[in-house]
């Protein structure tokens, strides 16, 4: 009767998250009761790294001409990136392609002109990891000035997470212990040893942001750095702890 009265005094939300006091068989064949609860710790941090998806698209009458033009533009882009302090390990080529370009289909003309090749397009992409976000806006301007005519977007993420996750663990442990003390006090029992601890980590991936207006800025010759905002991200730890009860 004492246990039923204490449980009724707790909120519905707390009761739903409460694991029943189930008997568990001990090593010496004596059953004991356990309490299993979960706690969450969350920390917010400003991203410290950005990933830019960019590249060059070139068109020409022949595949060789398109490739030569694209290679020249990409080499210039790489020189600009390295001059800006981007290390080789932070550059990665992606989505390289050579594709024929066909004459547009004309429904009024029975001749299958849309099957006739009128040129070639070479596309070469590069993913750039930027570790100094204060230079990000200016770097985008430098890339477009150097010849980048394709910008897929920008992704932000937290690269250095060790200290942040340690803080989240402390918060998660305090949260689950607070709940355990509340239940133990309400049920008139005492917490003994911890039987199990399980941890799950929520670590968000890169958060995409569109780099709007970058192409028009480069064409107009504007030298003002492209505006970018990194925002903040959340990292969380969820702990599931089981106590033996006295």
C-alpha atoms as a PDB file:
ATOM      1  CA  UNK A   1       0.000   0.000   0.000  1.00  0.00           C
ATOM      2  CA  UNK A   2       2.888   2.385   0.725  1.00  0.00           C
ATOM      3  CA  UNK A   3       4.400   1.783  -2.713  1.00  0.00           C
ATOM      4  CA  UNK A   4       1.065   2.293  -4.510  1.00  0.00           C
ATOM      5  CA  UNK A   5       0.481   5.602  -2.721  1.00  0.00           C
ATOM      6  CA  UNK A   6       3.968   6.885  -3.576  1.00  0.00           C
ATOM      7  CA  UNK A   7       3.654   5.959  -7.239  1.00  0.00           C
ATOM      8  CA  UNK A   8       0.278   7.674  -7.519  1.00  0.00           C
ATOM      9  CA  UNK A   9       1.852  10.908  -6.290  1.00  0.00           C
ATOM     10  CA  UNK A  10       4.251  11.011  -9.227  1.00  0.00           C
ATOM     11  CA  UNK A  11       3.395  12.659 -12.560  1.00  0.00           C
ATOM     12  CA  UNK A  12       2.113  10.604 -15.493  1.00  0.00           C
ATOM     13  CA  UNK A  13       5.142  11.492 -17.585  1.00  0.00           C
ATOM     14  CA  UNK A  14       7.495  10.210 -14.911  1.00  0.00           C
ATOM     15  CA  UNK A  15       5.510   6.998 -14.482  1.00  0.00           C
ATOM     16  CA  UNK A  16       5.704   6.236 -18.199  1.00  0.00           C
ATOM     17  CA  UNK A  17       9.507   6.463 -18.114  1.00  0.00           C
ATOM     18  CA  UNK A  18       9.762   4.280 -15.022  1.00  0.00           C
ATOM     19  CA  UNK A  19      10.827   0.679 -15.308  1.00  0.00           C
ATOM     20  CA  UNK A  20       8.916  -1.626 -12.900  1.00  0.00           C
ATOM     21  CA  UNK A  21      10.656  -2.919  -9.829  1.00  0.00           C
ATOM     22  CA  UNK A  22      11.259  -6.319 -11.334  1.00  0.00           C
ATOM     23  CA  UNK A  23      12.908  -9.123  -9.406  1.00  0.00           C
ATOM     24  CA  UNK A  24      16.227 -10.264 -10.862  1.00  0.00           C
ATOM     25  CA  UNK A  25      18.015 -13.466  -9.946  1.00  0.00           C
ATOM     26  CA  UNK A  26      21.270 -12.854  -8.068  1.00  0.00           C
ATOM     27  CA  UNK A  27      24.388 -14.986  -8.352  1.00  0.00           C
ATOM     28  CA  UNK A  28      23.544 -16.757  -5.096  1.00  0.00           C
ATOM     29  CA  UNK A  29      19.994 -17.536  -6.355  1.00  0.00           C
ATOM     30  CA  UNK A  30      18.416 -14.844  -4.138  1.00  0.00           C
ATOM     31  CA  UNK A  31      16.146 -12.483  -6.119  1.00  0.00           C
ATOM     32  CA  UNK A  32      16.605  -8.729  -5.839  1.00  0.00           C
ATOM     33  CA  UNK A  33      14.741  -5.730  -7.215  1.00  0.00           C
ATOM     34  CA  UNK A  34      16.113  -3.235  -9.738  1.00  0.00           C
ATOM     35  CA  UNK A  35      15.335   0.252 -10.955  1.00  0.00           C
ATOM     36  CA  UNK A  36      16.142   1.168 -14.583  1.00  0.00           C
ATOM     37  CA  UNK A  37      16.060   4.774 -15.757  1.00  0.00           C
ATOM     38  CA  UNK A  38      17.448   6.929 -18.563  1.00  0.00           C
ATOM     39  CA  UNK A  39      18.981  10.391 -18.444  1.00  0.00           C
ATOM     40  CA  UNK A  40      20.064  12.824 -21.149  1.00  0.00           C
ATOM     41  CA  UNK A  41      22.792  15.440 -21.232  1.00  0.00           C
ATOM     42  CA  UNK A  42      22.992  17.999 -24.034  1.00  0.00           C
ATOM     43  CA  UNK A  43      25.547  20.643 -24.934  1.00  0.00           C
ATOM     44  CA  UNK A  44      25.435  23.211 -27.708  1.00  0.00           C
ATOM     45  CA  UNK A  45      28.471  24.375 -29.614  1.00  0.00           C
ATOM     46  CA  UNK A  46      29.374  26.613 -32.513  1.00  0.00           C
ATOM     47  CA  UNK A  47      30.643  24.568 -35.479  1.00  0.00           C
ATOM     48  CA  UNK A  48      34.398  24.783 -35.925  1.00  0.00           C
ATOM     49  CA  UNK A  49      34.642  23.329 -39.445  1.00  0.00           C
ATOM     50  CA  UNK A  50      32.914  23.855 -42.777  1.00  0.00           C
ATOM     51  CA  UNK A  51      32.791  21.769 -45.943  1.00  0.00           C
ATOM     52  CA  UNK A  52      32.282  23.536 -49.270  1.00  0.00           C
ATOM     53  CA  UNK A  53      31.124  21.654 -52.364  1.00  0.00           C
ATOM     54  CA  UNK A  54      32.316  23.527 -55.440  1.00  0.00           C
ATOM     55  CA  UNK A  55      33.833  22.981 -58.874  1.00  0.00           C
ATOM     56  CA  UNK A  56      34.015  23.944 -62.536  1.00  0.00           C
ATOM     57  CA  UNK A  57      31.733  23.068 -65.453  1.00  0.00           C
ATOM     58  CA  UNK A  58      33.181  23.577 -68.957  1.00  0.00           C
ATOM     59  CA  UNK A  59      31.535  23.251 -72.385  1.00  0.00           C
ATOM     60  CA  UNK A  60      33.190  22.944 -75.804  1.00  0.00           C
ATOM     61  CA  UNK A  61      32.682  21.448 -79.258  1.00  0.00           C
ATOM     62  CA  UNK A  62      34.929  18.461 -78.547  1.00  0.00           C
ATOM     63  CA  UNK A  63      35.628  16.446 -75.460  1.00  0.00           C
ATOM     64  CA  UNK A  64      39.313  17.316 -75.668  1.00  0.00           C
ATOM     65  CA  UNK A  65      38.596  21.042 -75.752  1.00  0.00           C
ATOM     66  CA  UNK A  66      36.170  20.830 -72.842  1.00  0.00           C
ATOM     67  CA  UNK A  67      38.635  18.799 -70.793  1.00  0.00           C
ATOM     68  CA  UNK A  68      41.499  21.193 -71.510  1.00  0.00           C
ATOM     69  CA  UNK A  69      39.423  24.206 -70.489  1.00  0.00           C
ATOM     70  CA  UNK A  70      38.206  22.490 -67.360  1.00  0.00           C
ATOM     71  CA  UNK A  71      41.674  21.316 -66.339  1.00  0.00           C
ATOM     72  CA  UNK A  72      43.077  24.821 -66.718  1.00  0.00           C
ATOM     73  CA  UNK A  73      40.284  26.277 -64.598  1.00  0.00           C
ATOM     74  CA  UNK A  74      40.593  23.601 -61.914  1.00  0.00           C
ATOM     75  CA  UNK A  75      44.363  24.019 -61.688  1.00  0.00           C
ATOM     76  CA  UNK A  76      43.850  27.743 -61.149  1.00  0.00           C
ATOM     77  CA  UNK A  77      41.251  26.997 -58.487  1.00  0.00           C
ATOM     78  CA  UNK A  78      43.583  24.596 -56.666  1.00  0.00           C
ATOM     79  CA  UNK A  79      46.399  27.169 -56.720  1.00  0.00           C
ATOM     80  CA  UNK A  80      44.058  29.746 -55.202  1.00  0.00           C
ATOM     81  CA  UNK A  81      42.927  27.342 -52.485  1.00  0.00           C
ATOM     82  CA  UNK A  82      46.472  26.412 -51.512  1.00  0.00           C
ATOM     83  CA  UNK A  83      47.493  30.072 -51.509  1.00  0.00           C
ATOM     84  CA  UNK A  84      44.615  30.673 -49.078  1.00  0.00           C
ATOM     85  CA  UNK A  85      46.131  28.121 -46.680  1.00  0.00           C
ATOM     86  CA  UNK A  86      44.007  25.052 -47.502  1.00  0.00           C
ATOM     87  CA  UNK A  87      46.068  21.899 -46.947  1.00  0.00           C
ATOM     88  CA  UNK A  88      46.154  19.001 -49.407  1.00  0.00           C
ATOM     89  CA  UNK A  89      44.408  16.748 -46.876  1.00  0.00           C
ATOM     90  CA  UNK A  90      41.425  19.117 -46.912  1.00  0.00           C
ATOM     91  CA  UNK A  91      40.895  18.900 -50.688  1.00  0.00           C
ATOM     92  CA  UNK A  92      39.070  16.013 -52.356  1.00  0.00           C
ATOM     93  CA  UNK A  93      37.998  15.651 -55.980  1.00  0.00           C
ATOM     94  CA  UNK A  94      34.416  14.476 -56.474  1.00  0.00           C
ATOM     95  CA  UNK A  95      31.914  13.904 -59.284  1.00  0.00           C
ATOM     96  CA  UNK A  96      34.241  14.172 -62.257  1.00  0.00           C
ATOM     97  CA  UNK A  97      32.399  13.526 -65.522  1.00  0.00           C
ATOM     98  CA  UNK A  98      32.573  13.987 -69.303  1.00  0.00           C
ATOM     99  CA  UNK A  99      29.171  13.982 -70.994  1.00  0.00           C
ATOM    100  CA  UNK A 100      27.971  14.654 -74.554  1.00  0.00           C
ATOM    101  CA  UNK A 101      25.523  17.509 -75.139  1.00  0.00           C
ATOM    102  CA  UNK A 102      22.689  16.868 -77.596  1.00  0.00           C
ATOM    103  CA  UNK A 103      20.772  19.181 -79.850  1.00  0.00           C
ATOM    104  CA  UNK A 104      17.480  20.172 -78.190  1.00  0.00           C
ATOM    105  CA  UNK A 105      14.479  18.155 -79.235  1.00  0.00           C
ATOM    106  CA  UNK A 106      12.084  19.939 -81.595  1.00  0.00           C
ATOM    107  CA  UNK A 107       8.654  18.246 -81.736  1.00  0.00           C
ATOM    108  CA  UNK A 108       7.856  20.087 -85.009  1.00  0.00           C
ATOM    109  CA  UNK A 109      10.824  18.556 -86.787  1.00  0.00           C
ATOM    110  CA  UNK A 110      10.473  14.819 -87.530  1.00  0.00           C
ATOM    111  CA  UNK A 111      14.253  14.469 -87.889  1.00  0.00           C
ATOM    112  CA  UNK A 112      15.678  13.095 -84.608  1.00  0.00           C
ATOM    113  CA  UNK A 113      17.962  16.068 -84.020  1.00  0.00           C
ATOM    114  CA  UNK A 114      17.952  15.447 -80.283  1.00  0.00           C
ATOM    115  CA  UNK A 115      20.172  12.430 -80.912  1.00  0.00           C
ATOM    116  CA  UNK A 116      22.876  14.540 -82.569  1.00  0.00           C
ATOM    117  CA  UNK A 117      25.853  15.500 -80.380  1.00  0.00           C
ATOM    118  CA  UNK A 118      26.592  19.219 -80.561  1.00  0.00           C
ATOM    119  CA  UNK A 119      29.276  19.421 -77.906  1.00  0.00           C
ATOM    120  CA  UNK A 120      30.678  18.078 -74.666  1.00  0.00           C
ATOM    121  CA  UNK A 121      30.513  19.086 -71.033  1.00  0.00           C
ATOM    122  CA  UNK A 122      33.194  18.366 -68.452  1.00  0.00           C
ATOM    123  CA  UNK A 123      32.335  18.712 -64.785  1.00  0.00           C
ATOM    124  CA  UNK A 124      34.936  18.506 -62.032  1.00  0.00           C
ATOM    125  CA  UNK A 125      34.001  18.991 -58.399  1.00  0.00           C
ATOM    126  CA  UNK A 126      36.035  19.538 -55.266  1.00  0.00           C
ATOM    127  CA  UNK A 127      35.110  19.336 -51.601  1.00  0.00           C
ATOM    128  CA  UNK A 128      37.016  21.839 -49.488  1.00  0.00           C
ATOM    129  CA  UNK A 129      37.286  21.482 -45.709  1.00  0.00           C
ATOM    130  CA  UNK A 130      37.703  24.859 -44.039  1.00  0.00           C
ATOM    131  CA  UNK A 131      39.036  24.843 -40.481  1.00  0.00           C
ATOM    132  CA  UNK A 132      39.107  28.613 -39.970  1.00  0.00           C
ATOM    133  CA  UNK A 133      35.506  29.783 -40.293  1.00  0.00           C
ATOM    134  CA  UNK A 134      36.500  33.437 -39.976  1.00  0.00           C
ATOM    135  CA  UNK A 135      38.002  33.155 -43.477  1.00  0.00           C
ATOM    136  CA  UNK A 136      35.079  31.275 -45.015  1.00  0.00           C
ATOM    137  CA  UNK A 137      33.247  34.182 -46.670  1.00  0.00           C
ATOM    138  CA  UNK A 138      36.415  35.574 -48.244  1.00  0.00           C
ATOM    139  CA  UNK A 139      37.460  32.112 -49.411  1.00  0.00           C
ATOM    140  CA  UNK A 140      34.173  31.658 -51.288  1.00  0.00           C
ATOM    141  CA  UNK A 141      34.807  34.951 -53.076  1.00  0.00           C
ATOM    142  CA  UNK A 142      38.346  33.849 -53.959  1.00  0.00           C
ATOM    143  CA  UNK A 143      37.090  30.536 -55.331  1.00  0.00           C
ATOM    144  CA  UNK A 144      34.528  32.115 -57.641  1.00  0.00           C
ATOM    145  CA  UNK A 145      37.063  34.693 -58.800  1.00  0.00           C
ATOM    146  CA  UNK A 146      39.481  31.867 -59.592  1.00  0.00           C
ATOM    147  CA  UNK A 147      36.913  30.230 -61.890  1.00  0.00           C
ATOM    148  CA  UNK A 148      34.586  28.092 -59.781  1.00  0.00           C
ATOM    149  CA  UNK A 149      31.176  28.336 -61.475  1.00  0.00           C
ATOM    150  CA  UNK A 150      29.363  25.663 -59.472  1.00  0.00           C
ATOM    151  CA  UNK A 151      28.635  25.888 -55.771  1.00  0.00           C
ATOM    152  CA  UNK A 152      26.702  23.003 -54.263  1.00  0.00           C
ATOM    153  CA  UNK A 153      26.477  24.491 -50.785  1.00  0.00           C
ATOM    154  CA  UNK A 154      28.186  24.665 -47.403  1.00  0.00           C
ATOM    155  CA  UNK A 155      27.964  22.201 -44.522  1.00  0.00           C
ATOM    156  CA  UNK A 156      28.946  23.038 -40.946  1.00  0.00           C
ATOM    157  CA  UNK A 157      29.872  20.599 -38.211  1.00  0.00           C
ATOM    158  CA  UNK A 158      31.739  20.273 -34.935  1.00  0.00           C
ATOM    159  CA  UNK A 159      35.029  18.471 -35.509  1.00  0.00           C
ATOM    160  CA  UNK A 160      36.502  18.589 -31.995  1.00  0.00           C
ATOM    161  CA  UNK A 161      33.910  16.961 -29.758  1.00  0.00           C
ATOM    162  CA  UNK A 162      35.837  15.185 -26.951  1.00  0.00           C
ATOM    163  CA  UNK A 163      35.454  17.914 -24.310  1.00  0.00           C
ATOM    164  CA  UNK A 164      31.862  18.586 -25.347  1.00  0.00           C
ATOM    165  CA  UNK A 165      30.886  14.941 -24.993  1.00  0.00           C
ATOM    166  CA  UNK A 166      32.526  14.764 -21.568  1.00  0.00           C
ATOM    167  CA  UNK A 167      30.341  17.656 -20.439  1.00  0.00           C
ATOM    168  CA  UNK A 168      27.275  15.966 -21.922  1.00  0.00           C
ATOM    169  CA  UNK A 169      28.100  12.759 -20.007  1.00  0.00           C
ATOM    170  CA  UNK A 170      28.295  14.648 -16.714  1.00  0.00           C
ATOM    171  CA  UNK A 171      24.915  16.234 -17.405  1.00  0.00           C
ATOM    172  CA  UNK A 172      23.385  12.885 -18.386  1.00  0.00           C
ATOM    173  CA  UNK A 173      24.667  11.212 -15.221  1.00  0.00           C
ATOM    174  CA  UNK A 174      23.344  14.032 -13.054  1.00  0.00           C
ATOM    175  CA  UNK A 175      19.981  13.784 -14.822  1.00  0.00           C
ATOM    176  CA  UNK A 176      19.585  10.043 -14.364  1.00  0.00           C
ATOM    177  CA  UNK A 177      20.772  10.186 -10.760  1.00  0.00           C
ATOM    178  CA  UNK A 178      18.287  12.958  -9.967  1.00  0.00           C
ATOM    179  CA  UNK A 179      15.466  10.805 -11.337  1.00  0.00           C
ATOM    180  CA  UNK A 180      16.687   7.740  -9.446  1.00  0.00           C
ATOM    181  CA  UNK A 181      16.818   9.623  -6.151  1.00  0.00           C
ATOM    182  CA  UNK A 182      13.303  10.936  -6.782  1.00  0.00           C
ATOM    183  CA  UNK A 183      11.884   7.466  -7.375  1.00  0.00           C
ATOM    184  CA  UNK A 184      13.800   5.890  -4.524  1.00  0.00           C
ATOM    185  CA  UNK A 185      12.550   8.541  -2.116  1.00  0.00           C
ATOM    186  CA  UNK A 186       8.973   8.250  -3.378  1.00  0.00           C
ATOM    187  CA  UNK A 187       8.992   4.466  -3.137  1.00  0.00           C
ATOM    188  CA  UNK A 188      10.705   4.316   0.226  1.00  0.00           C
ATOM    189  CA  UNK A 189      13.654   2.295  -1.027  1.00  0.00           C
ATOM    190  CA  UNK A 190      17.415   2.847  -1.227  1.00  0.00           C
ATOM    191  CA  UNK A 191      19.732   2.651  -4.208  1.00  0.00           C
ATOM    192  CA  UNK A 192      22.545   0.142  -3.909  1.00  0.00           C
ATOM    193  CA  UNK A 193      25.102  -0.825  -6.541  1.00  0.00           C
ATOM    194  CA  UNK A 194      24.883   0.030 -10.239  1.00  0.00           C
ATOM    195  CA  UNK A 195      24.310  -3.108 -12.288  1.00  0.00           C
ATOM    196  CA  UNK A 196      24.463  -1.793 -15.873  1.00  0.00           C
ATOM    197  CA  UNK A 197      25.206   1.423 -17.739  1.00  0.00           C
ATOM    198  CA  UNK A 198      24.497   1.858 -21.445  1.00  0.00           C
ATOM    199  CA  UNK A 199      25.427   4.943 -23.442  1.00  0.00           C
ATOM    200  CA  UNK A 200      24.218   6.264 -26.776  1.00  0.00           C
ATOM    201  CA  UNK A 201      25.728   9.313 -28.458  1.00  0.00           C
ATOM    202  CA  UNK A 202      23.896  11.738 -30.713  1.00  0.00           C
ATOM    203  CA  UNK A 203      26.476  13.468 -32.853  1.00  0.00           C
ATOM    204  CA  UNK A 204      24.946  15.502 -35.696  1.00  0.00           C
ATOM    205  CA  UNK A 205      26.486  15.339 -39.123  1.00  0.00           C
ATOM    206  CA  UNK A 206      27.266  18.253 -41.373  1.00  0.00           C
ATOM    207  CA  UNK A 207      24.451  20.817 -41.457  1.00  0.00           C
ATOM    208  CA  UNK A 208      23.988  22.144 -45.014  1.00  0.00           C
ATOM    209  CA  UNK A 209      23.559  25.843 -45.725  1.00  0.00           C
ATOM    210  CA  UNK A 210      22.974  27.183 -49.203  1.00  0.00           C
ATOM    211  CA  UNK A 211      25.572  29.645 -50.480  1.00  0.00           C
ATOM    212  CA  UNK A 212      23.086  31.954 -52.161  1.00  0.00           C
ATOM    213  CA  UNK A 213      24.228  34.845 -54.297  1.00  0.00           C
ATOM    214  CA  UNK A 214      27.820  33.690 -54.658  1.00  0.00           C
ATOM    215  CA  UNK A 215      27.824  33.399 -58.446  1.00  0.00           C
ATOM    216  CA  UNK A 216      26.259  36.787 -59.008  1.00  0.00           C
ATOM    217  CA  UNK A 217      28.725  38.372 -56.610  1.00  0.00           C
ATOM    218  CA  UNK A 218      31.684  37.012 -58.551  1.00  0.00           C
ATOM    219  CA  UNK A 219      30.308  38.142 -61.906  1.00  0.00           C
ATOM    220  CA  UNK A 220      29.616  41.649 -60.700  1.00  0.00           C
ATOM    221  CA  UNK A 221      33.166  42.026 -59.440  1.00  0.00           C
ATOM    222  CA  UNK A 222      32.071  42.758 -55.871  1.00  0.00           C
ATOM    223  CA  UNK A 223      34.861  42.269 -53.370  1.00  0.00           C
ATOM    224  CA  UNK A 224      32.719  42.027 -50.261  1.00  0.00           C
ATOM    225  CA  UNK A 225      32.977  38.611 -48.632  1.00  0.00           C
ATOM    226  CA  UNK A 226      29.974  36.331 -49.032  1.00  0.00           C
ATOM    227  CA  UNK A 227      27.837  36.385 -45.861  1.00  0.00           C
ATOM    228  CA  UNK A 228      27.725  33.038 -44.048  1.00  0.00           C
ATOM    229  CA  UNK A 229      26.301  32.020 -40.677  1.00  0.00           C
ATOM    230  CA  UNK A 230      27.420  28.811 -38.940  1.00  0.00           C
ATOM    231  CA  UNK A 231      24.766  28.800 -36.201  1.00  0.00           C
ATOM    232  CA  UNK A 232      25.158  26.146 -33.504  1.00  0.00           C
ATOM    233  CA  UNK A 233      24.701  22.408 -33.110  1.00  0.00           C
ATOM    234  CA  UNK A 234      23.673  20.108 -30.283  1.00  0.00           C
ATOM    235  CA  UNK A 235      25.503  17.030 -29.052  1.00  0.00           C
ATOM    236  CA  UNK A 236      23.825  14.736 -26.561  1.00  0.00           C
ATOM    237  CA  UNK A 237      24.507  11.657 -24.465  1.00  0.00           C
ATOM    238  CA  UNK A 238      21.769   9.286 -23.316  1.00  0.00           C
ATOM    239  CA  UNK A 239      22.548   7.007 -20.395  1.00  0.00           C
ATOM    240  CA  UNK A 240      20.471   4.019 -19.343  1.00  0.00           C
ATOM    241  CA  UNK A 241      21.359   2.907 -15.805  1.00  0.00           C
ATOM    242  CA  UNK A 242      20.094   0.005 -13.742  1.00  0.00           C
ATOM    243  CA  UNK A 243      20.448   0.048  -9.950  1.00  0.00           C
ATOM    244  CA  UNK A 244      19.968  -2.725  -7.446  1.00  0.00           C
ATOM    245  CA  UNK A 245      17.526  -1.687  -4.729  1.00  0.00           C
ATOM    246  CA  UNK A 246      17.836  -2.313  -1.029  1.00  0.00           C
END
